[in-house]
Every structure is written in C-alpha cells, then in structure tokens.
Amino acid sequence: DIWLEDAREFRKQLKLDPTLGKEQREEEREGASRKNKGGGGFFAFCAKERPAVREANPGINMPQLAKMMGEKWRNLTEEEKEPFSPGAARAGKSSAPLASRGTGGGARGAGGSG
C-alpha cells in the first residue's frame, strides 16, 4: 500500500511539473540505444543468407529459420563474419545486400524521389 501511495503522490507531482523525471528518461533512452547497437553483422548475414536457407528448406517456419540462421552465424569464424560487420560497410568491404541497396526507396519504390 505504501508503494501505491508513493505512485499516487508522484502522479500528482508529475501533473504539476511535467518535466519531472525527464532527465532520467533521456538517460535511459540513451543507454538503451547504446546497448542495442550490436548485432548489425548478424542482421546483414541473415539478409544475405536467408533466401538460400529458405530455398533449401521449403515450408520451414520462422522460429526454425531463425534457429538455423543463429547456428550458421555461430559456426562462422571471425574472418568469415568480418564482411558483415557494420564497420565493413564504411571501409568498402560491404556484403552484397548492403552494397546493392539504393539510396532511399523503401516502401516508396525504386526511385526514391518524393
């Protein structure tokens, strides 16, 4: 019950001062974004290899596909993983799917204008 009273009191204070706790929320967001920067190499690897794995295993469901992709990634050596690393794109050693992406496009189509 003490927790509920504290929560109610905080809500009252928040209504009076909406910036209350803003710094903490911003720090949490920054910390979260720093934590989530990894994994880029794995996702680039998946983008390149997923079609081949799906073709070799027709009818496979997404959890099974993800498990297979994770196993393939773990079995790669550091040298084999290097072309997929986020730094490789900046150094000109990008993997094919990342290099072949156009500028813009996305849901708008291939033109990218507009």
PDB file of N, CA and C in Angstrom:
ATOM      1  N   ASP A   1       0.820  -1.194   0.000  1.00  0.00           N
ATOM      2  CA  ASP A   1       0.000   0.000   0.000  1.00  0.00           C
ATOM      3  C   ASP A   1       0.862   1.256   0.000  1.00  0.00           C
ATOM      4  N   ILE A   2       2.030   1.196   0.610  1.00  0.00           N
ATOM      5  CA  ILE A   2       2.926   2.349   0.620  1.00  0.00           C
ATOM      6  C   ILE A   2       3.359   2.672  -0.807  1.00  0.00           C
ATOM      7  N   TRP A   3       3.603   1.633  -1.591  1.00  0.00           N
ATOM      8  CA  TRP A   3       4.002   1.837  -2.978  1.00  0.00           C
ATOM      9  C   TRP A   3       2.917   2.578  -3.743  1.00  0.00           C
ATOM     10  N   LEU A   4       1.649   2.186  -3.547  1.00  0.00           N
ATOM     11  CA  LEU A   4       0.536   2.850  -4.221  1.00  0.00           C
ATOM     12  C   LEU A   4       0.435   4.319  -3.818  1.00  0.00           C
ATOM     13  N   GLU A   5       0.643   4.603  -2.554  1.00  0.00           N
ATOM     14  CA  GLU A   5       0.605   5.983  -2.093  1.00  0.00           C
ATOM     15  C   GLU A   5       1.721   6.792  -2.745  1.00  0.00           C
ATOM     16  N   ASP A   6       2.910   6.196  -2.809  1.00  0.00           N
ATOM     17  CA  ASP A   6       4.034   6.875  -3.468  1.00  0.00           C
ATOM     18  C   ASP A   6       3.730   7.124  -4.940  1.00  0.00           C
ATOM     19  N   ALA A   7       3.143   6.142  -5.598  1.00  0.00           N
ATOM     20  CA  ALA A   7       2.814   6.286  -7.017  1.00  0.00           C
ATOM     21  C   ALA A   7       1.782   7.387  -7.217  1.00  0.00           C
ATOM     22  N   ARG A   8       0.788   7.435  -6.367  1.00  0.00           N
ATOM     23  CA  ARG A   8      -0.233   8.492  -6.470  1.00  0.00           C
ATOM     24  C   ARG A   8       0.385   9.867  -6.248  1.00  0.00           C
ATOM     25  N   GLU A   9       1.253   9.958  -5.266  1.00  0.00           N
ATOM     26  CA  GLU A   9       1.920  11.236  -4.974  1.00  0.00           C
ATOM     27  C   GLU A   9       2.780  11.669  -6.165  1.00  0.00           C
ATOM     28  N   PHE A  10       3.491  10.731  -6.758  1.00  0.00           N
ATOM     29  CA  PHE A  10       4.330  11.057  -7.912  1.00  0.00           C
ATOM     30  C   PHE A  10       3.470  11.541  -9.077  1.00  0.00           C
ATOM     31  N   ARG A  11       2.331  10.890  -9.302  1.00  0.00           N
ATOM     32  CA  ARG A  11       1.431  11.322 -10.375  1.00  0.00           C
ATOM     33  C   ARG A  11       0.942  12.747 -10.152  1.00  0.00           C
ATOM     34  N   LYS A  12       0.625  13.085  -8.909  1.00  0.00           N
ATOM     35  CA  LYS A  12       0.203  14.446  -8.597  1.00  0.00           C
ATOM     36  C   LYS A  12       1.330  15.432  -8.907  1.00  0.00           C
ATOM     37  N   GLN A  13       2.548  15.088  -8.501  1.00  0.00           N
ATOM     38  CA  GLN A  13       3.690  15.960  -8.759  1.00  0.00           C
ATOM     39  C   GLN A  13       3.951  16.082 -10.255  1.00  0.00           C
ATOM     40  N   LEU A  14       3.767  14.987 -10.979  1.00  0.00           N
ATOM     41  CA  LEU A  14       4.001  14.987 -12.418  1.00  0.00           C
ATOM     42  C   LEU A  14       3.007  15.902 -13.128  1.00  0.00           C
ATOM     43  N   LYS A  15       1.770  15.932 -12.653  1.00  0.00           N
ATOM     44  CA  LYS A  15       0.782  16.832 -13.242  1.00  0.00           C
ATOM     45  C   LYS A  15       1.185  18.283 -13.022  1.00  0.00           C
ATOM     46  N   LEU A  16       1.782  18.567 -11.878  1.00  0.00           N
ATOM     47  CA  LEU A  16       2.223  19.929 -11.584  1.00  0.00           C
ATOM     48  C   LEU A  16       3.476  20.298 -12.373  1.00  0.00           C
ATOM     49  N   ASP A  17       4.380  19.346 -12.550  1.00  0.00           N
ATOM     50  CA  ASP A  17       5.638  19.594 -13.260  1.00  0.00           C
ATOM     51  C   ASP A  17       5.891  18.455 -14.247  1.00  0.00           C
ATOM     52  N   PRO A  18       5.436  18.599 -15.516  1.00  0.00           N
ATOM     53  CA  PRO A  18       5.575  17.502 -16.480  1.00  0.00           C
ATOM     54  C   PRO A  18       7.018  17.162 -16.837  1.00  0.00           C
ATOM     55  N   THR A  19       7.975  18.054 -16.518  1.00  0.00           N
ATOM     56  CA  THR A  19       9.372  17.748 -16.835  1.00  0.00           C
ATOM     57  C   THR A  19      10.017  16.863 -15.780  1.00  0.00           C
ATOM     58  N   LEU A  20       9.285  16.563 -14.714  1.00  0.00           N
ATOM     59  CA  LEU A  20       9.816  15.741 -13.631  1.00  0.00           C
ATOM     60  C   LEU A  20      10.225  14.369 -14.169  1.00  0.00           C
ATOM     61  N   GLY A  21      11.449  13.993 -13.941  1.00  0.00           N
ATOM     62  CA  GLY A  21      11.949  12.693 -14.392  1.00  0.00           C
ATOM     63  C   GLY A  21      12.400  12.674 -15.846  1.00  0.00           C
ATOM     64  N   LYS A  22      12.343  13.819 -16.523  1.00  0.00           N
ATOM     65  CA  LYS A  22      12.699  13.870 -17.946  1.00  0.00           C
ATOM     66  C   LYS A  22      14.162  13.480 -18.176  1.00  0.00           C
ATOM     67  N   GLU A  23      15.053  13.998 -17.327  1.00  0.00           N
ATOM     68  CA  GLU A  23      16.478  13.684 -17.491  1.00  0.00           C
ATOM     69  C   GLU A  23      16.729  12.193 -17.357  1.00  0.00           C
ATOM     70  N   GLN A  24      16.069  11.570 -16.385  1.00  0.00           N
ATOM     71  CA  GLN A  24      16.251  10.136 -16.181  1.00  0.00           C
ATOM     72  C   GLN A  24      15.751   9.355 -17.385  1.00  0.00           C
ATOM     73  N   ARG A  25      14.590   9.756 -17.937  1.00  0.00           N
ATOM     74  CA  ARG A  25      14.064   9.055 -19.106  1.00  0.00           C
ATOM     75  C   ARG A  25      15.003   9.212 -20.290  1.00  0.00           C
ATOM     76  N   GLU A  26      15.570  10.408 -20.472  1.00  0.00           N
ATOM     77  CA  GLU A  26      16.501  10.624 -21.580  1.00  0.00           C
ATOM     78  C   GLU A  26      17.758   9.780 -21.411  1.00  0.00           C
ATOM     79  N   GLU A  27      18.265   9.706 -20.177  1.00  0.00           N
ATOM     80  CA  GLU A  27      19.444   8.879 -19.922  1.00  0.00           C
ATOM     81  C   GLU A  27      19.143   7.416 -20.198  1.00  0.00           C
ATOM     82  N   GLU A  28      17.955   6.958 -19.817  1.00  0.00           N
ATOM     83  CA  GLU A  28      17.582   5.568 -20.068  1.00  0.00           C
ATOM     84  C   GLU A  28      17.512   5.300 -21.567  1.00  0.00           C
ATOM     85  N   ARG A  29      16.940   6.242 -22.313  1.00  0.00           N
ATOM     86  CA  ARG A  29      16.864   6.071 -23.771  1.00  0.00           C
ATOM     87  C   ARG A  29      18.250   6.020 -24.389  1.00  0.00           C
ATOM     88  N   GLU A  30      19.132   6.922 -23.961  1.00  0.00           N
ATOM     89  CA  GLU A  30      20.494   6.929 -24.499  1.00  0.00           C
ATOM     90  C   GLU A  30      21.219   5.638 -24.169  1.00  0.00           C
ATOM     91  N   GLY A  31      21.059   5.172 -22.938  1.00  0.00           N
ATOM     92  CA  GLY A  31      21.685   3.918 -22.531  1.00  0.00           C
ATOM     93  C   GLY A  31      21.151   2.745 -23.333  1.00  0.00           C
ATOM     94  N   ALA A  32      19.840   2.739 -23.574  1.00  0.00           N
ATOM     95  CA  ALA A  32      19.236   1.654 -24.346  1.00  0.00           C
ATOM     96  C   ALA A  32      19.740   1.675 -25.781  1.00  0.00           C
ATOM     97  N   SER A  33      19.858   2.863 -26.354  1.00  0.00           N
ATOM     98  CA  SER A  33      20.317   2.921 -27.735  1.00  0.00           C
ATOM     99  C   SER A  33      21.778   2.497 -27.834  1.00  0.00           C
ATOM    100  N   ARG A  34      22.579   2.796 -26.816  1.00  0.00           N
ATOM    101  CA  ARG A  34      23.965   2.343 -26.829  1.00  0.00           C
ATOM    102  C   ARG A  34      24.041   0.834 -26.718  1.00  0.00           C
ATOM    103  N   LYS A  35      23.175   0.246 -25.895  1.00  0.00           N
ATOM    104  CA  LYS A  35      23.186  -1.206 -25.718  1.00  0.00           C
ATOM    105  C   LYS A  35      22.762  -1.919 -26.985  1.00  0.00           C
ATOM    106  N   ASN A  36      21.851  -1.354 -27.747  1.00  0.00           N
ATOM    107  CA  ASN A  36      21.262  -2.038 -28.887  1.00  0.00           C
ATOM    108  C   ASN A  36      22.012  -1.821 -30.191  1.00  0.00           C
ATOM    109  N   LYS A  37      23.204  -1.266 -30.151  1.00  0.00           N
ATOM    110  CA  LYS A  37      23.927  -1.004 -31.394  1.00  0.00           C
ATOM    111  C   LYS A  37      24.551  -2.269 -31.982  1.00  0.00           C
ATOM    112  N   GLY A  38      24.748  -3.302 -31.200  1.00  0.00           N
ATOM    113  CA  GLY A  38      25.364  -4.518 -31.706  1.00  0.00           C
ATOM    114  C   GLY A  38      24.401  -5.337 -32.551  1.00  0.00           C
ATOM    115  N   GLY A  39      24.898  -6.378 -33.186  1.00  0.00           N
ATOM    116  CA  GLY A  39      24.030  -7.277 -33.928  1.00  0.00           C
ATOM    117  C   GLY A  39      23.897  -6.919 -35.386  1.00  0.00           C
ATOM    118  N   GLY A  40      24.469  -5.815 -35.813  1.00  0.00           N
ATOM    119  CA  GLY A  40      24.334  -5.389 -37.192  1.00  0.00           C
ATOM    120  C   GLY A  40      24.906  -6.414 -38.165  1.00  0.00           C
ATOM    121  N   GLY A  41      26.011  -7.012 -37.784  1.00  0.00           N
ATOM    122  CA  GLY A  41      26.631  -8.002 -38.649  1.00  0.00           C
ATOM    123  C   GLY A  41      25.747  -9.222 -38.837  1.00  0.00           C
ATOM    124  N   PHE A  42      25.115  -9.646 -37.760  1.00  0.00           N
ATOM    125  CA  PHE A  42      24.225 -10.805 -37.829  1.00  0.00           C
ATOM    126  C   PHE A  42      23.051 -10.516 -38.752  1.00  0.00           C
ATOM    127  N   PHE A  43      22.487  -9.314 -38.656  1.00  0.00           N
ATOM    128  CA  PHE A  43      21.336  -8.990 -39.486  1.00  0.00           C
ATOM    129  C   PHE A  43      21.729  -8.884 -40.957  1.00  0.00           C
ATOM    130  N   ALA A  44      22.915  -8.372 -41.233  1.00  0.00           N
ATOM    131  CA  ALA A  44      23.396  -8.321 -42.614  1.00  0.00           C
ATOM    132  C   ALA A  44      23.607  -9.740 -43.145  1.00  0.00           C
ATOM    133  N   PHE A  45      24.152 -10.606 -42.290  1.00  0.00           N
ATOM    134  CA  PHE A  45      24.347 -12.009 -42.652  1.00  0.00           C
ATOM    135  C   PHE A  45      23.007 -12.661 -42.978  1.00  0.00           C
ATOM    136  N   CYS A  46      22.009 -12.426 -42.122  1.00  0.00           N
ATOM    137  CA  CYS A  46      20.685 -13.006 -42.338  1.00  0.00           C
ATOM    138  C   CYS A  46      20.075 -12.509 -43.643  1.00  0.00           C
ATOM    139  N   ALA A  47      20.239 -11.229 -43.938  1.00  0.00           N
ATOM    140  CA  ALA A  47      19.676 -10.674 -45.166  1.00  0.00           C
ATOM    141  C   ALA A  47      20.256 -11.367 -46.395  1.00  0.00           C
ATOM    142  N   LYS A  48      21.525 -11.719 -46.318  1.00  0.00           N
ATOM    143  CA  LYS A  48      22.171 -12.375 -47.454  1.00  0.00           C
ATOM    144  C   LYS A  48      21.843 -13.862 -47.517  1.00  0.00           C
ATOM    145  N   GLU A  49      21.858 -14.532 -46.385  1.00  0.00           N
ATOM    146  CA  GLU A  49      21.742 -15.991 -46.362  1.00  0.00           C
ATOM    147  C   GLU A  49      20.313 -16.525 -46.266  1.00  0.00           C
ATOM    148  N   ARG A  50      19.378 -15.722 -45.765  1.00  0.00           N
ATOM    149  CA  ARG A  50      18.013 -16.208 -45.536  1.00  0.00           C
ATOM    150  C   ARG A  50      17.377 -16.812 -46.787  1.00  0.00           C
ATOM    151  N   PRO A  51      17.462 -16.161 -47.959  1.00  0.00           N
ATOM    152  CA  PRO A  51      16.825 -16.763 -49.143  1.00  0.00           C
ATOM    153  C   PRO A  51      17.354 -18.169 -49.465  1.00  0.00           C
ATOM    154  N   ALA A  52      18.652 -18.366 -49.328  1.00  0.00           N
ATOM    155  CA  ALA A  52      19.236 -19.678 -49.628  1.00  0.00           C
ATOM    156  C   ALA A  52      18.763 -20.729 -48.618  1.00  0.00           C
ATOM    157  N   VAL A  53      18.672 -20.338 -47.348  1.00  0.00           N
ATOM    158  CA  VAL A  53      18.232 -21.278 -46.323  1.00  0.00           C
ATOM    159  C   VAL A  53      16.760 -21.627 -46.538  1.00  0.00           C
ATOM    160  N   ARG A  54      15.948 -20.639 -46.886  1.00  0.00           N
ATOM    161  CA  ARG A  54      14.520 -20.903 -47.136  1.00  0.00           C
ATOM    162  C   ARG A  54      14.349 -21.805 -48.361  1.00  0.00           C
ATOM    163  N   GLU A  55      15.168 -21.581 -49.385  1.00  0.00           N
ATOM    164  CA  GLU A  55      15.073 -22.390 -50.598  1.00  0.00           C
ATOM    165  C   GLU A  55      15.490 -23.838 -50.314  1.00  0.00           C
ATOM    166  N   ALA A  56      16.511 -24.006 -49.476  1.00  0.00           N
ATOM    167  CA  ALA A  56      16.976 -25.347 -49.140  1.00  0.00           C
ATOM    168  C   ALA A  56      16.014 -26.069 -48.188  1.00  0.00           C
ATOM    169  N   ASN A  57      15.168 -25.309 -47.484  1.00  0.00           N
ATOM    170  CA  ASN A  57      14.232 -25.880 -46.515  1.00  0.00           C
ATOM    171  C   ASN A  57      12.832 -25.342 -46.757  1.00  0.00           C
ATOM    172  N   PRO A  58      12.171 -25.773 -47.825  1.00  0.00           N
ATOM    173  CA  PRO A  58      10.834 -25.239 -48.092  1.00  0.00           C
ATOM    174  C   PRO A  58       9.856 -25.615 -46.976  1.00  0.00           C
ATOM    175  N   GLY A  59       8.970 -24.711 -46.656  1.00  0.00           N
ATOM    176  CA  GLY A  59       7.978 -24.972 -45.628  1.00  0.00           C
ATOM    177  C   GLY A  59       8.475 -24.751 -44.207  1.00  0.00           C
ATOM    178  N   ILE A  60       9.696 -24.264 -44.044  1.00  0.00           N
ATOM    179  CA  ILE A  60      10.237 -24.035 -42.706  1.00  0.00           C
ATOM    180  C   ILE A  60       9.527 -22.830 -42.085  1.00  0.00           C
ATOM    181  N   ASN A  61       9.239 -22.903 -40.784  1.00  0.00           N
ATOM    182  CA  ASN A  61       8.588 -21.767 -40.132  1.00  0.00           C
ATOM    183  C   ASN A  61       9.646 -20.798 -39.599  1.00  0.00           C
ATOM    184  N   MET A  62       9.207 -19.612 -39.206  1.00  0.00           N
ATOM    185  CA  MET A  62      10.141 -18.555 -38.825  1.00  0.00           C
ATOM    186  C   MET A  62      11.011 -18.916 -37.615  1.00  0.00           C
ATOM    187  N   PRO A  63      10.463 -19.493 -36.547  1.00  0.00           N
ATOM    188  CA  PRO A  63      11.343 -19.853 -35.422  1.00  0.00           C
ATOM    189  C   PRO A  63      12.438 -20.850 -35.810  1.00  0.00           C
ATOM    190  N   GLN A  64      12.090 -21.821 -36.650  1.00  0.00           N
ATOM    191  CA  GLN A  64      13.097 -22.792 -37.099  1.00  0.00           C
ATOM    192  C   GLN A  64      14.143 -22.108 -37.972  1.00  0.00           C
ATOM    193  N   LEU A  65      13.688 -21.204 -38.839  1.00  0.00           N
ATOM    194  CA  LEU A  65      14.610 -20.470 -39.705  1.00  0.00           C
ATOM    195  C   LEU A  65      15.568 -19.631 -38.860  1.00  0.00           C
ATOM    196  N   ALA A  66      15.035 -18.937 -37.868  1.00  0.00           N
ATOM    197  CA  ALA A  66      15.873 -18.100 -37.004  1.00  0.00           C
ATOM    198  C   ALA A  66      16.909 -18.946 -36.266  1.00  0.00           C
ATOM    199  N   LYS A  67      16.487 -20.114 -35.817  1.00  0.00           N
ATOM    200  CA  LYS A  67      17.413 -21.005 -35.112  1.00  0.00           C
ATOM    201  C   LYS A  67      18.536 -21.465 -36.046  1.00  0.00           C
ATOM    202  N   MET A  68      18.172 -21.817 -37.273  1.00  0.00           N
ATOM    203  CA  MET A  68      19.178 -22.258 -38.244  1.00  0.00           C
ATOM    204  C   MET A  68      20.144 -21.127 -38.577  1.00  0.00           C
ATOM    205  N   MET A  69      19.609 -19.908 -38.737  1.00  0.00           N
ATOM    206  CA  MET A  69      20.463 -18.769 -39.051  1.00  0.00           C
ATOM    207  C   MET A  69      21.429 -18.491 -37.888  1.00  0.00           C
ATOM    208  N   GLY A  70      20.939 -18.597 -36.662  1.00  0.00           N
ATOM    209  CA  GLY A  70      21.794 -18.401 -35.496  1.00  0.00           C
ATOM    210  C   GLY A  70      22.905 -19.441 -35.426  1.00  0.00           C
ATOM    211  N   GLU A  71      22.567 -20.683 -35.729  1.00  0.00           N
ATOM    212  CA  GLU A  71      23.581 -21.746 -35.719  1.00  0.00           C
ATOM    213  C   GLU A  71      24.640 -21.491 -36.792  1.00  0.00           C
ATOM    214  N   LYS A  72      24.181 -21.094 -37.986  1.00  0.00           N
ATOM    215  CA  LYS A  72      25.136 -20.808 -39.063  1.00  0.00           C
ATOM    216  C   LYS A  72      26.066 -19.668 -38.672  1.00  0.00           C
ATOM    217  N   TRP A  73      25.493 -18.614 -38.049  1.00  0.00           N
ATOM    218  CA  TRP A  73      26.290 -17.455 -37.638  1.00  0.00           C
ATOM    219  C   TRP A  73      27.312 -17.860 -36.573  1.00  0.00           C
ATOM    220  N   ARG A  74      26.900 -18.652 -35.600  1.00  0.00           N
ATOM    221  CA  ARG A  74      27.820 -19.080 -34.539  1.00  0.00           C
ATOM    222  C   ARG A  74      28.944 -19.949 -35.077  1.00  0.00           C
ATOM    223  N   ASN A  75      28.699 -20.676 -36.154  1.00  0.00           N
ATOM    224  CA  ASN A  75      29.720 -21.563 -36.711  1.00  0.00           C
ATOM    225  C   ASN A  75      30.715 -20.834 -37.613  1.00  0.00           C
ATOM    226  N   LEU A  76      30.450 -19.562 -37.933  1.00  0.00           N
ATOM    227  CA  LEU A  76      31.386 -18.800 -38.756  1.00  0.00           C
ATOM    228  C   LEU A  76      32.598 -18.388 -37.927  1.00  0.00           C
ATOM    229  N   THR A  77      33.742 -18.291 -38.578  1.00  0.00           N
ATOM    230  CA  THR A  77      34.933 -17.772 -37.903  1.00  0.00           C
ATOM    231  C   THR A  77      34.852 -16.242 -37.906  1.00  0.00           C
ATOM    232  N   GLU A  78      35.705 -15.614 -37.133  1.00  0.00           N
ATOM    233  CA  GLU A  78      35.722 -14.144 -37.085  1.00  0.00           C
ATOM    234  C   GLU A  78      36.039 -13.566 -38.464  1.00  0.00           C
ATOM    235  N   GLU A  79      36.906 -14.231 -39.224  1.00  0.00           N
ATOM    236  CA  GLU A  79      37.250 -13.760 -40.565  1.00  0.00           C
ATOM    237  C   GLU A  79      36.040 -13.844 -41.499  1.00  0.00           C
ATOM    238  N   GLU A  80      35.233 -14.896 -41.339  1.00  0.00           N
ATOM    239  CA  GLU A  80      34.040 -15.045 -42.168  1.00  0.00           C
ATOM    240  C   GLU A  80      32.959 -14.034 -41.783  1.00  0.00           C
ATOM    241  N   LYS A  81      32.935 -13.623 -40.515  1.00  0.00           N
ATOM    242  CA  LYS A  81      31.947 -12.650 -40.048  1.00  0.00           C
ATOM    243  C   LYS A  81      32.324 -11.220 -40.435  1.00  0.00           C
ATOM    244  N   GLU A  82      33.593 -10.978 -40.663  1.00  0.00           N
ATOM    245  CA  GLU A  82      34.081  -9.614 -40.882  1.00  0.00           C
ATOM    246  C   GLU A  82      33.379  -8.853 -42.008  1.00  0.00           C
ATOM    247  N   PRO A  83      33.103  -9.464 -43.173  1.00  0.00           N
ATOM    248  CA  PRO A  83      32.433  -8.701 -44.235  1.00  0.00           C
ATOM    249  C   PRO A  83      31.038  -8.216 -43.849  1.00  0.00           C
ATOM    250  N   PHE A  84      30.436  -8.815 -42.843  1.00  0.00           N
ATOM    251  CA  PHE A  84      29.085  -8.449 -42.430  1.00  0.00           C
ATOM    252  C   PHE A  84      29.076  -7.422 -41.302  1.00  0.00           C
ATOM    253  N   SER A  85      30.240  -7.095 -40.759  1.00  0.00           N
ATOM    254  CA  SER A  85      30.292  -6.172 -39.628  1.00  0.00           C
ATOM    255  C   SER A  85      29.887  -4.777 -40.070  1.00  0.00           C
ATOM    256  N   PRO A  86      29.268  -3.999 -39.178  1.00  0.00           N
ATOM    257  CA  PRO A  86      28.847  -2.642 -39.536  1.00  0.00           C
ATOM    258  C   PRO A  86      30.006  -1.770 -40.000  1.00  0.00           C
ATOM    259  N   GLY A  87      31.191  -1.958 -39.473  1.00  0.00           N
ATOM    260  CA  GLY A  87      32.354  -1.181 -39.892  1.00  0.00           C
ATOM    261  C   GLY A  87      32.821  -1.527 -41.292  1.00  0.00           C
ATOM    262  N   ALA A  88      32.501  -2.714 -41.772  1.00  0.00           N
ATOM    263  CA  ALA A  88      32.934  -3.127 -43.101  1.00  0.00           C
ATOM    264  C   ALA A  88      32.277  -2.289 -44.188  1.00  0.00           C
ATOM    265  N   ALA A  89      31.047  -1.863 -43.970  1.00  0.00           N
ATOM    266  CA  ALA A  89      30.355  -1.041 -44.957  1.00  0.00           C
ATOM    267  C   ALA A  89      31.059   0.295 -45.123  1.00  0.00           C
ATOM    268  N   ARG A  90      31.542   0.856 -44.013  1.00  0.00           N
ATOM    269  CA  ARG A  90      32.243   2.137 -44.083  1.00  0.00           C
ATOM    270  C   ARG A  90      33.605   1.977 -44.733  1.00  0.00           C
ATOM    271  N   ALA A  91      34.219   0.808 -44.599  1.00  0.00           N
ATOM    272  CA  ALA A  91      35.552   0.588 -45.146  1.00  0.00           C
ATOM    273  C   ALA A  91      35.515   0.107 -46.595  1.00  0.00           C
ATOM    274  N   GLY A  92      34.330  -0.079 -47.150  1.00  0.00           N
ATOM    275  CA  GLY A  92      34.224  -0.520 -48.535  1.00  0.00           C
ATOM    276  C   GLY A  92      34.233  -2.022 -48.696  1.00  0.00           C
ATOM    277  N   LYS A  93      34.147  -2.776 -47.604  1.00  0.00           N
ATOM    278  CA  LYS A  93      34.158  -4.236 -47.666  1.00  0.00           C
ATOM    279  C   LYS A  93      32.757  -4.788 -47.465  1.00  0.00           C
ATOM    280  N   SER A  94      31.757  -4.050 -47.850  1.00  0.00           N
ATOM    281  CA  SER A  94      30.368  -4.383 -47.547  1.00  0.00           C
ATOM    282  C   SER A  94      29.939  -5.685 -48.208  1.00  0.00           C
ATOM    283  N   SER A  95      28.981  -6.349 -47.557  1.00  0.00           N
ATOM    284  CA  SER A  95      28.396  -7.548 -48.143  1.00  0.00           C
ATOM    285  C   SER A  95      27.466  -7.143 -49.270  1.00  0.00           C
ATOM    286  N   ALA A  96      27.145  -8.042 -50.147  1.00  0.00           N
ATOM    287  CA  ALA A  96      26.355  -7.732 -51.331  1.00  0.00           C
ATOM    288  C   ALA A  96      25.008  -7.099 -51.031  1.00  0.00           C
ATOM    289  N   PRO A  97      24.200  -7.617 -50.091  1.00  0.00           N
ATOM    290  CA  PRO A  97      22.896  -6.997 -49.875  1.00  0.00           C
ATOM    291  C   PRO A  97      23.000  -5.552 -49.418  1.00  0.00           C
ATOM    292  N   LEU A  98      23.983  -5.238 -48.590  1.00  0.00           N
ATOM    293  CA  LEU A  98      24.111  -3.867 -48.120  1.00  0.00           C
ATOM    294  C   LEU A  98      24.629  -2.963 -49.225  1.00  0.00           C
ATOM    295  N   ALA A  99      25.531  -3.462 -50.048  1.00  0.00           N
ATOM    296  CA  ALA A  99      26.096  -2.645 -51.114  1.00  0.00           C
ATOM    297  C   ALA A  99      25.081  -2.405 -52.217  1.00  0.00           C
ATOM    298  N   SER A 100      24.173  -3.345 -52.445  1.00  0.00           N
ATOM    299  CA  SER A 100      23.235  -3.207 -53.543  1.00  0.00           C
ATOM    300  C   SER A 100      21.997  -2.401 -53.170  1.00  0.00           C
ATOM    301  N   ARG A 101      21.870  -2.023 -51.900  1.00  0.00           N
ATOM    302  CA  ARG A 101      20.735  -1.194 -51.511  1.00  0.00           C
ATOM    303  C   ARG A 101      20.881   0.171 -52.158  1.00  0.00           C
ATOM    304  N   GLY A 102      19.787   0.683 -52.649  1.00  0.00           N
ATOM    305  CA  GLY A 102      19.820   2.017 -53.241  1.00  0.00           C
ATOM    306  C   GLY A 102      19.787   3.068 -52.158  1.00  0.00           C
ATOM    307  N   THR A 103      19.796   4.318 -52.585  1.00  0.00           N
ATOM    308  CA  THR A 103      19.601   5.394 -51.629  1.00  0.00           C
ATOM    309  C   THR A 103      18.128   5.730 -51.653  1.00  0.00           C
ATOM    310  N   GLY A 104      17.504   5.732 -50.506  1.00  0.00           N
ATOM    311  CA  GLY A 104      16.065   5.987 -50.468  1.00  0.00           C
ATOM    312  C   GLY A 104      15.336   4.750 -50.975  1.00  0.00           C
ATOM    313  N   GLY A 105      14.144   4.889 -51.406  1.00  0.00           N
ATOM    314  CA  GLY A 105      13.420   3.722 -51.901  1.00  0.00           C
ATOM    315  C   GLY A 105      12.480   3.231 -50.853  1.00  0.00           C
ATOM    316  N   GLY A 106      12.803   2.101 -50.245  1.00  0.00           N
ATOM    317  CA  GLY A 106      11.944   1.548 -49.209  1.00  0.00           C
ATOM    318  C   GLY A 106      10.550   1.278 -49.748  1.00  0.00           C
ATOM    319  N   ALA A 107       9.536   1.717 -49.039  1.00  0.00           N
ATOM    320  CA  ALA A 107       8.158   1.474 -49.437  1.00  0.00           C
ATOM    321  C   ALA A 107       7.725   2.351 -50.603  1.00  0.00           C
ATOM    322  N   ARG A 108       8.496   3.394 -50.903  1.00  0.00           N
ATOM    323  CA  ARG A 108       8.135   4.318 -51.970  1.00  0.00           C
ATOM    324  C   ARG A 108       8.448   3.763 -53.367  1.00  0.00           C
ATOM    325  N   GLY A 109       9.310   2.821 -53.426  1.00  0.00           N
ATOM    326  CA  GLY A 109       9.677   2.271 -54.721  1.00  0.00           C
ATOM    327  C   GLY A 109      11.128   2.537 -55.026  1.00  0.00           C
ATOM    328  N   ALA A 110      11.553   2.186 -56.222  1.00  0.00           N
ATOM    329  CA  ALA A 110      12.954   2.235 -56.566  1.00  0.00           C
ATOM    330  C   ALA A 110      13.456   3.653 -56.805  1.00  0.00           C
ATOM    331  N   GLY A 111      12.604   4.582 -57.147  1.00  0.00           N
ATOM    332  CA  GLY A 111      13.041   5.933 -57.484  1.00  0.00           C
ATOM    333  C   GLY A 111      13.608   6.684 -56.308  1.00  0.00           C
ATOM    334  N   GLY A 112      12.967   6.622 -55.179  1.00  0.00           N
ATOM    335  CA  GLY A 112      13.465   7.292 -54.011  1.00  0.00           C
ATOM    336  C   GLY A 112      13.162   8.778 -53.998  1.00  0.00           C
ATOM    337  N   SER A 113      12.528   9.288 -55.031  1.00  0.00           N
ATOM    338  CA  SER A 113      12.227  10.717 -55.048  1.00  0.00           C
ATOM    339  C   SER A 113      10.818  10.939 -54.553  1.00  0.00           C
ATOM    340  N   GLY A 114      10.650  11.884 -53.663  1.00  0.00           N
ATOM    341  CA  GLY A 114       9.300  12.221 -53.231  1.00  0.00           C
ATOM    342  C   GLY A 114       9.063  12.036 -51.843  1.00  0.00           C
TER     343      GLY A 114
END
